[in-house]
Protein backbone atom coordinates (compact mmCIF):
# COMPACT_ATOMS: atom_id res chain seq x y z
CA MET A 1 18.33 -44.86 -29.71
CA LYS A 2 21.41 -42.63 -29.68
CA LYS A 3 21.98 -43.50 -26.03
CA LYS A 4 21.89 -47.24 -26.82
CA VAL A 5 24.47 -46.77 -29.57
CA ILE A 6 26.76 -44.92 -27.18
CA ILE A 7 26.39 -47.73 -24.63
CA ILE A 8 27.16 -50.38 -27.26
CA ILE A 9 30.24 -48.48 -28.42
CA ALA A 10 31.39 -48.04 -24.82
CA LEU A 11 30.96 -51.77 -24.19
CA ALA A 12 32.87 -52.62 -27.36
CA VAL A 13 35.72 -50.32 -26.35
CA SER A 14 35.78 -51.79 -22.85
CA ILE A 15 35.88 -55.34 -24.20
CA GLY A 16 38.66 -54.34 -26.56
CA LEU A 17 40.68 -52.88 -23.70
CA ILE A 18 40.15 -56.01 -21.62
CA VAL A 19 41.35 -58.19 -24.49
CA MET A 20 44.43 -55.99 -24.95
CA ILE A 21 45.22 -56.20 -21.23
CA ILE A 22 44.89 -59.99 -21.28
CA LEU A 23 47.14 -60.27 -24.33
CA THR A 24 49.70 -57.97 -22.71
CA ILE A 25 49.73 -60.07 -19.55
CA ARG A 26 50.13 -63.24 -21.61
CA ALA A 27 52.96 -61.71 -23.62
CA TYR A 28 54.98 -60.26 -20.76
CA PHE A 29 54.13 -62.08 -17.58
CA LEU A 30 53.23 -65.69 -18.35
CA PRO A 31 56.10 -68.16 -18.71
CA LYS A 32 57.48 -68.63 -22.21
CA GLY A 33 59.19 -71.49 -23.91
CA ILE A 34 59.79 -73.50 -27.03
CA SER A 35 60.17 -77.21 -27.58
CA ILE A 36 63.43 -78.45 -29.09
CA ASP A 37 64.65 -81.51 -30.97
CA LYS A 38 65.81 -83.86 -28.22
CA GLU A 39 67.49 -86.12 -30.75
CA GLN A 40 69.78 -83.20 -31.53
CA TYR A 41 69.99 -82.05 -27.90
CA PRO A 42 69.45 -85.15 -25.71
CA ILE A 43 70.75 -83.73 -22.41
CA THR A 44 68.18 -81.96 -20.21
CA GLY A 45 68.72 -79.82 -17.13
CA ILE A 46 66.79 -77.53 -14.81
CA ASP A 47 67.65 -74.58 -12.58
CA VAL A 48 65.86 -73.92 -9.30
CA SER A 49 65.66 -71.51 -6.38
CA ARG A 50 63.34 -70.88 -3.45
CA HIS A 51 60.68 -69.89 -5.99
CA SER A 52 60.51 -73.56 -7.03
CA GLY A 53 59.15 -74.47 -3.59
CA VAL A 54 59.65 -77.87 -1.98
CA ILE A 55 61.12 -80.29 -4.53
CA ASP A 56 60.82 -84.07 -4.55
CA TRP A 57 64.27 -84.88 -5.89
CA LYS A 58 63.63 -88.62 -6.18
CA LYS A 59 60.84 -87.87 -8.66
CA ILE A 60 63.06 -85.43 -10.54
CA LYS A 61 65.78 -88.07 -10.89
CA ARG A 62 63.31 -90.58 -12.37
CA GLN A 63 62.42 -88.17 -15.19
CA HIS A 64 65.82 -88.37 -16.89
CA ILE A 65 67.05 -84.97 -15.73
CA ASP A 66 70.79 -84.90 -16.42
CA PHE A 67 71.81 -81.83 -14.44
CA VAL A 68 70.48 -79.18 -12.08
CA TYR A 69 71.76 -75.76 -11.09
CA ILE A 70 70.70 -74.54 -7.67
CA LYS A 71 70.65 -70.92 -6.60
CA ALA A 72 73.04 -70.31 -3.72
CA THR A 73 73.43 -66.57 -3.28
CA GLU A 74 72.56 -63.10 -4.53
CA GLY A 75 74.30 -59.77 -4.07
CA GLU A 76 76.52 -59.22 -1.03
CA THR A 77 74.60 -60.98 1.73
CA TYR A 78 71.64 -63.00 0.46
CA LEU A 79 71.58 -66.79 0.82
CA ASP A 80 68.73 -68.64 -0.87
CA PRO A 81 66.77 -70.24 2.01
CA ASN A 82 66.28 -73.50 0.06
CA TYR A 83 69.88 -73.82 -1.11
CA LEU A 84 71.20 -76.21 1.54
CA VAL A 85 68.15 -78.47 1.40
CA ASN A 86 68.16 -78.53 -2.39
CA ILE A 87 71.84 -79.22 -2.97
CA THR A 88 71.98 -81.88 -0.26
CA ALA A 89 68.91 -83.71 -1.58
CA ALA A 90 69.90 -83.40 -5.25
CA HIS A 91 73.37 -84.74 -4.53
CA LYS A 92 71.90 -87.58 -2.48
CA VAL A 93 70.00 -88.92 -5.51
CA ASN A 94 73.19 -88.64 -7.62
CA LEU A 95 72.18 -85.76 -9.85
CA ASN A 96 74.89 -83.68 -11.49
CA VAL A 97 74.64 -80.43 -9.53
CA GLY A 98 76.02 -76.93 -9.85
CA GLU A 99 75.47 -73.69 -7.94
CA TYR A 100 74.78 -70.19 -9.12
CA HIS A 101 74.88 -66.60 -7.92
CA PHE A 102 72.50 -63.85 -9.04
CA PHE A 103 74.67 -60.82 -9.82
CA ARG A 104 73.55 -57.42 -8.50
CA PHE A 105 74.63 -54.54 -10.73
CA ASN A 106 74.67 -52.05 -7.84
CA LYS A 107 77.04 -54.08 -5.62
CA PRO A 108 80.81 -54.59 -5.88
CA GLY A 109 81.78 -57.77 -7.69
CA LYS A 110 84.43 -58.80 -5.18
CA THR A 111 82.12 -58.64 -2.14
CA GLN A 112 79.51 -60.61 -4.04
CA ALA A 113 82.16 -63.24 -4.73
CA VAL A 114 82.93 -63.38 -1.01
CA ASN A 115 79.25 -64.09 -0.31
CA PHE A 116 79.12 -66.88 -2.89
CA LEU A 117 82.35 -68.51 -1.74
CA ALA A 118 81.27 -68.39 1.91
CA HIS A 119 78.23 -70.54 1.25
CA ILE A 120 78.87 -72.98 -1.60
CA LYS A 121 79.48 -76.57 -0.56
CA ASN A 122 82.56 -78.64 -1.33
CA ILE A 123 80.80 -81.50 -3.10
CA PRO A 124 82.94 -83.84 -5.25
CA GLY A 125 82.23 -83.71 -8.96
CA LYS A 126 80.20 -80.50 -8.92
CA LEU A 127 79.54 -78.74 -12.18
CA ASN A 128 81.34 -75.45 -12.79
CA PRO A 129 79.73 -72.55 -10.91
CA MET A 130 77.49 -70.11 -12.78
CA VAL A 131 76.77 -66.40 -12.44
CA ASP A 132 73.36 -65.06 -13.51
CA VAL A 133 73.78 -61.72 -15.31
CA GLU A 134 70.54 -60.10 -16.43
CA GLU A 135 68.66 -56.82 -16.25
CA TRP A 136 65.60 -58.50 -14.78
CA GLY A 137 65.81 -57.97 -11.02
CA ASN A 138 68.35 -55.18 -11.51
CA MET A 139 66.12 -52.39 -12.74
CA PRO A 140 66.75 -49.53 -12.98
CA VAL A 141 70.27 -49.96 -14.34
CA VAL A 142 72.13 -46.86 -13.11
CA LYS A 143 75.74 -47.84 -13.87
CA THR A 144 77.27 -47.77 -17.32
CA GLU A 145 77.82 -51.01 -19.20
CA LYS A 146 81.58 -50.57 -18.78
CA GLU A 147 81.21 -50.17 -15.00
CA ILE A 148 79.02 -53.27 -14.76
CA ARG A 149 81.47 -55.32 -16.83
CA LYS A 150 84.27 -54.20 -14.51
CA GLU A 151 82.37 -55.55 -11.48
CA ILE A 152 81.51 -58.80 -13.28
CA THR A 153 85.21 -59.21 -14.07
CA ALA A 154 86.13 -58.67 -10.41
CA PHE A 155 83.56 -61.29 -9.40
CA LEU A 156 84.80 -63.85 -11.92
CA LEU A 157 88.46 -63.37 -11.03
CA GLU A 158 87.81 -63.87 -7.32
CA ILE A 159 85.71 -67.01 -7.81
CA GLU A 160 88.07 -68.55 -10.36
CA LYS A 161 91.12 -67.84 -8.18
CA VAL A 162 89.60 -69.85 -5.33
CA THR A 163 87.74 -72.61 -7.17
CA GLU A 164 90.16 -72.93 -10.11
CA ASP A 165 87.09 -73.44 -12.32
CA LYS A 166 85.96 -71.26 -15.20
CA MET A 167 82.61 -69.74 -14.30
CA ILE A 168 79.68 -70.12 -16.65
CA ILE A 169 77.85 -66.89 -17.50
CA TYR A 170 74.07 -67.19 -17.76
CA THR A 171 72.30 -64.35 -19.53
CA ASN A 172 69.36 -63.52 -21.78
CA ILE A 173 69.54 -61.96 -25.24
CA ASN A 174 69.15 -58.33 -24.13
CA SER A 175 71.73 -58.59 -21.37
CA TYR A 176 74.08 -60.56 -23.60
CA ASN A 177 74.04 -57.77 -26.16
CA ARG A 178 74.57 -55.08 -23.52
CA PHE A 179 77.10 -56.60 -21.14
CA ILE A 180 78.61 -59.84 -22.47
CA LYS A 181 78.94 -59.66 -26.25
CA GLY A 182 82.59 -59.21 -27.26
CA HIS A 183 83.81 -59.81 -23.70
CA PHE A 184 84.53 -62.71 -21.32
CA GLU A 185 85.61 -64.88 -24.23
CA ASP A 186 87.10 -67.55 -21.94
CA ASN A 187 83.86 -68.09 -20.00
CA PRO A 188 81.26 -70.57 -21.28
CA ILE A 189 77.87 -69.04 -22.10
CA TRP A 190 74.48 -70.23 -20.89
CA ILE A 191 72.00 -68.37 -23.05
CA CYS A 192 68.27 -67.87 -22.52
CA SER A 193 66.76 -67.67 -26.00
CA PHE A 194 63.51 -68.55 -27.74
CA ASN A 195 64.93 -68.46 -31.26
CA LYS A 196 65.70 -71.91 -32.69
CA ASP A 197 67.30 -70.51 -35.82
CA ARG A 198 69.75 -68.19 -34.09
CA ILE A 199 70.16 -69.18 -30.48
CA ILE A 200 72.80 -66.55 -29.71
CA PRO A 201 73.00 -63.17 -31.53
CA ASP A 202 76.61 -63.32 -32.76
CA ASN A 203 76.74 -67.11 -33.22
CA ARG A 204 79.22 -67.43 -30.34
CA ASN A 205 79.53 -70.99 -29.11
CA TRP A 206 77.30 -71.76 -26.13
CA LEU A 207 77.42 -74.44 -23.44
CA PHE A 208 73.83 -74.48 -22.15
CA TRP A 209 70.62 -73.17 -23.69
CA GLN A 210 67.59 -72.24 -21.60
CA HIS A 211 64.73 -72.73 -24.02
CA ALA A 212 61.71 -72.71 -21.72
CA HIS A 213 60.42 -71.12 -18.53
CA ASN A 214 57.22 -73.18 -18.62
CA GLY A 215 58.49 -76.70 -18.06
CA LYS A 216 56.40 -79.09 -15.99
CA LEU A 217 57.93 -81.91 -13.96
CA ASP A 218 56.51 -84.30 -11.43
CA GLY A 219 58.02 -83.26 -8.12
CA ILE A 220 57.91 -79.49 -8.68
CA LYS A 221 54.73 -77.46 -8.30
CA GLY A 222 54.34 -74.79 -10.92
CA TYR A 223 56.73 -74.08 -13.78
CA VAL A 224 60.43 -74.82 -14.01
CA ASP A 225 63.15 -73.63 -16.40
CA LEU A 226 64.27 -76.20 -18.97
CA ASN A 227 67.79 -76.23 -20.36
CA THR A 228 69.86 -78.30 -22.74
CA PHE A 229 73.54 -79.02 -23.29
CA ASN A 230 75.19 -78.19 -26.59
CA GLY A 231 76.20 -81.68 -27.58
CA SER A 232 75.48 -85.39 -27.71
CA ALA A 233 75.19 -87.81 -24.79
CA GLU A 234 78.77 -88.91 -25.44
CA GLU A 235 80.00 -85.31 -25.48
CA TRP A 236 78.15 -84.74 -22.20
CA LYS A 237 80.09 -87.59 -20.59
CA MET A 238 83.31 -86.06 -21.88
CA TYR A 239 82.29 -82.68 -20.48
CA LEU A 240 81.54 -84.18 -17.05
CA ASN A 241 85.00 -85.77 -17.00
CA SER A 242 86.91 -82.69 -18.09
CA GLY A 243 84.79 -79.61 -17.29
CA THR A 244 85.46 -78.27 -20.79
CA MET A 245 83.67 -78.56 -24.08
CA PRO A 246 84.83 -81.55 -26.19
């Protein structure tokens, strides 16, 4: 009898551990997202890279996607293998397109800028370029926050000198608090946040809001990031014409 009790307890503990593992995986590894009021935020965009696979851009266009950002480069030498195909096809179906660079904390900002500038295409009417600044993909962070900000500044200055466009800074809440908050005041912010009540920690004005990693669109297998513009459809048209917030 005692042996049976021990077995039952062991099974219960094992089941409990399995449940905890499943919940942990769901919490940390599965895509997250929230739905938003599209009457308040009617403009929808996506961002893609090689991880998005082969994309049917004609199908994407038919689903009222207003803009797309396409990964171009990363670090000092990396070129996203799907970049040229994606930007050519997206532009061909008349989507509003922009390019982005994933910033590596352990590489000099200026040489990363050289990589980005060497590969981005001169397409008329492109959206302002974006730099992706986040701890994810940069762990462990060995430089100080001040050192990382110095390299981000070098990157921005080099890009903006050549393109004459203000770069957009994409970041999540943790990285915003560590590296961006109180700095780069002239650069528009693209924030990844799952808090409807306080989208950005210090209530700084934002340009784009990434509110979901688990979007589903016909034409892309798997999940895709969903983003919105901070304004009305009319304000979006004004932004496209000027490149600055109305």
